[in-house]
Amino acid sequence: MLEFCKEVLTKVSFDRMLFSKELEKAIRWLKGDERLLLKSWCLDTFGTRYNDIIVASFAY
């Protein structure tokens, strides 16, 4: 499921709203370690572009 979420986020990364929506979905789907891995991957991959969205999404 983690790889699927990465693929979707990569495909929608052209649009802030889509990226935010799909990231919220991915966070709901994933549990525990996979969620932490997703956060790390998102920051590494999209941190310069969507840092505010990523940090806010994982804040809770």
N, C-alpha and C. Protein backbone atom coordinates (compact mmCIF):
# COMPACT_ATOMS: atom_id res chain seq x y z
N MET A 1 0.81 -1.19 0.00
CA MET A 1 0.00 0.00 0.00
C MET A 1 0.87 1.27 0.00
N LEU A 2 2.00 1.20 0.67
CA LEU A 2 2.91 2.34 0.71
C LEU A 2 3.38 2.71 -0.69
N GLU A 3 3.76 1.72 -1.46
CA GLU A 3 4.24 1.99 -2.82
C GLU A 3 3.13 2.58 -3.69
N PHE A 4 1.92 2.11 -3.50
CA PHE A 4 0.78 2.66 -4.23
C PHE A 4 0.58 4.14 -3.88
N CYS A 5 0.65 4.46 -2.60
CA CYS A 5 0.50 5.85 -2.16
C CYS A 5 1.59 6.74 -2.75
N LYS A 6 2.81 6.25 -2.79
CA LYS A 6 3.91 7.01 -3.38
C LYS A 6 3.64 7.28 -4.86
N GLU A 7 3.16 6.27 -5.55
CA GLU A 7 2.87 6.41 -6.97
C GLU A 7 1.79 7.45 -7.22
N VAL A 8 0.72 7.40 -6.43
CA VAL A 8 -0.37 8.36 -6.58
C VAL A 8 0.12 9.77 -6.29
N LEU A 9 0.86 9.94 -5.20
CA LEU A 9 1.36 11.27 -4.84
C LEU A 9 2.28 11.84 -5.92
N THR A 10 3.08 10.99 -6.51
CA THR A 10 3.96 11.43 -7.58
C THR A 10 3.14 11.90 -8.78
N LYS A 11 2.08 11.17 -9.10
CA LYS A 11 1.25 11.52 -10.26
C LYS A 11 0.45 12.80 -10.06
N VAL A 12 0.08 13.12 -8.83
CA VAL A 12 -0.73 14.33 -8.60
C VAL A 12 0.10 15.50 -8.09
N SER A 13 1.40 15.36 -8.09
CA SER A 13 2.26 16.40 -7.51
C SER A 13 2.27 17.70 -8.31
N PHE A 14 1.65 17.73 -9.46
CA PHE A 14 1.58 18.95 -10.26
C PHE A 14 0.57 19.95 -9.69
N ASP A 15 -0.32 19.49 -8.79
CA ASP A 15 -1.39 20.34 -8.28
C ASP A 15 -1.41 20.30 -6.75
N ARG A 16 -1.33 21.47 -6.11
CA ARG A 16 -1.30 21.55 -4.64
C ARG A 16 -2.54 20.92 -4.00
N MET A 17 -3.71 21.22 -4.52
CA MET A 17 -4.94 20.72 -3.91
C MET A 17 -5.05 19.20 -4.03
N LEU A 18 -4.75 18.67 -5.20
CA LEU A 18 -4.78 17.22 -5.38
C LEU A 18 -3.75 16.54 -4.49
N PHE A 19 -2.55 17.11 -4.42
CA PHE A 19 -1.51 16.54 -3.59
C PHE A 19 -1.96 16.49 -2.13
N SER A 20 -2.52 17.58 -1.66
CA SER A 20 -2.98 17.64 -0.28
C SER A 20 -4.07 16.61 0.00
N LYS A 21 -5.03 16.51 -0.91
CA LYS A 21 -6.14 15.56 -0.76
C LYS A 21 -5.64 14.12 -0.74
N GLU A 22 -4.76 13.79 -1.67
CA GLU A 22 -4.25 12.42 -1.74
C GLU A 22 -3.32 12.10 -0.56
N LEU A 23 -2.60 13.08 -0.08
CA LEU A 23 -1.75 12.85 1.08
C LEU A 23 -2.61 12.56 2.31
N GLU A 24 -3.69 13.28 2.48
CA GLU A 24 -4.61 13.02 3.60
C GLU A 24 -5.16 11.60 3.52
N LYS A 25 -5.54 11.17 2.33
CA LYS A 25 -6.04 9.81 2.14
C LYS A 25 -4.97 8.78 2.50
N ALA A 26 -3.77 9.01 2.03
CA ALA A 26 -2.68 8.07 2.29
C ALA A 26 -2.40 7.96 3.79
N ILE A 27 -2.45 9.07 4.48
CA ILE A 27 -2.21 9.05 5.93
C ILE A 27 -3.29 8.25 6.64
N ARG A 28 -4.53 8.38 6.19
CA ARG A 28 -5.61 7.59 6.79
C ARG A 28 -5.45 6.10 6.53
N TRP A 29 -4.99 5.74 5.34
CA TRP A 29 -4.86 4.33 4.96
C TRP A 29 -3.70 3.64 5.67
N LEU A 30 -2.59 4.34 5.83
CA LEU A 30 -1.39 3.72 6.36
C LEU A 30 -1.37 3.77 7.88
N LYS A 31 -0.69 2.82 8.46
CA LYS A 31 -0.57 2.75 9.92
C LYS A 31 0.89 2.62 10.32
N GLY A 32 1.19 3.09 11.51
CA GLY A 32 2.49 2.88 12.14
C GLY A 32 3.71 3.25 11.32
N ASP A 33 4.56 2.25 11.13
CA ASP A 33 5.84 2.46 10.46
C ASP A 33 5.68 2.94 9.02
N GLU A 34 4.65 2.44 8.33
CA GLU A 34 4.44 2.87 6.95
C GLU A 34 4.14 4.36 6.88
N ARG A 35 3.42 4.86 7.87
CA ARG A 35 3.11 6.29 7.90
C ARG A 35 4.39 7.11 8.10
N LEU A 36 5.27 6.64 8.97
CA LEU A 36 6.54 7.33 9.18
C LEU A 36 7.42 7.29 7.93
N LEU A 37 7.42 6.16 7.25
CA LEU A 37 8.18 6.05 6.01
C LEU A 37 7.62 6.99 4.94
N LEU A 38 6.29 7.11 4.89
CA LEU A 38 5.68 8.01 3.93
C LEU A 38 6.06 9.46 4.23
N LYS A 39 6.05 9.83 5.49
CA LYS A 39 6.42 11.20 5.86
C LYS A 39 7.85 11.50 5.42
N SER A 40 8.75 10.60 5.72
CA SER A 40 10.15 10.78 5.34
C SER A 40 10.30 10.89 3.83
N TRP A 41 9.64 10.01 3.11
CA TRP A 41 9.71 10.02 1.65
C TRP A 41 9.13 11.32 1.08
N CYS A 42 8.00 11.76 1.61
CA CYS A 42 7.38 13.00 1.14
C CYS A 42 8.30 14.20 1.35
N LEU A 43 8.90 14.28 2.52
CA LEU A 43 9.81 15.40 2.80
C LEU A 43 11.02 15.36 1.88
N ASP A 44 11.56 14.17 1.64
CA ASP A 44 12.71 14.04 0.75
C ASP A 44 12.35 14.37 -0.70
N THR A 45 11.19 13.91 -1.12
CA THR A 45 10.81 14.04 -2.52
C THR A 45 10.15 15.38 -2.85
N PHE A 46 9.27 15.84 -1.97
CA PHE A 46 8.48 17.04 -2.26
C PHE A 46 8.67 18.15 -1.23
N GLY A 47 9.63 18.00 -0.35
CA GLY A 47 9.82 18.95 0.74
C GLY A 47 10.07 20.38 0.31
N THR A 48 10.78 20.57 -0.78
CA THR A 48 11.06 21.93 -1.23
C THR A 48 9.82 22.60 -1.82
N ARG A 49 8.91 21.80 -2.33
CA ARG A 49 7.73 22.34 -3.00
C ARG A 49 6.50 22.40 -2.10
N TYR A 50 6.29 21.34 -1.30
CA TYR A 50 5.07 21.22 -0.50
C TYR A 50 5.35 21.02 0.99
N ASN A 51 6.41 21.59 1.48
CA ASN A 51 6.78 21.39 2.88
C ASN A 51 5.64 21.78 3.82
N ASP A 52 4.97 22.89 3.56
CA ASP A 52 3.89 23.35 4.43
C ASP A 52 2.74 22.34 4.48
N ILE A 53 2.38 21.78 3.35
CA ILE A 53 1.29 20.79 3.30
C ILE A 53 1.69 19.51 4.03
N ILE A 54 2.90 19.06 3.80
CA ILE A 54 3.37 17.81 4.40
C ILE A 54 3.42 17.94 5.93
N VAL A 55 4.02 19.02 6.41
CA VAL A 55 4.14 19.21 7.86
C VAL A 55 2.76 19.33 8.50
N ALA A 56 1.86 20.09 7.89
CA ALA A 56 0.52 20.25 8.43
C ALA A 56 -0.27 18.94 8.41
N SER A 57 -0.11 18.15 7.38
CA SER A 57 -0.83 16.90 7.26
C SER A 57 -0.40 15.87 8.31
N PHE A 58 0.88 15.86 8.63
CA PHE A 58 1.37 14.89 9.61
C PHE A 58 1.38 15.43 11.03
N ALA A 59 0.87 16.63 11.25
CA ALA A 59 0.92 17.27 12.56
C ALA A 59 0.05 16.57 13.61
N TYR A 60 -1.00 15.95 13.18
CA TYR A 60 -1.91 15.30 14.16
C TYR A 60 -1.68 13.84 14.35
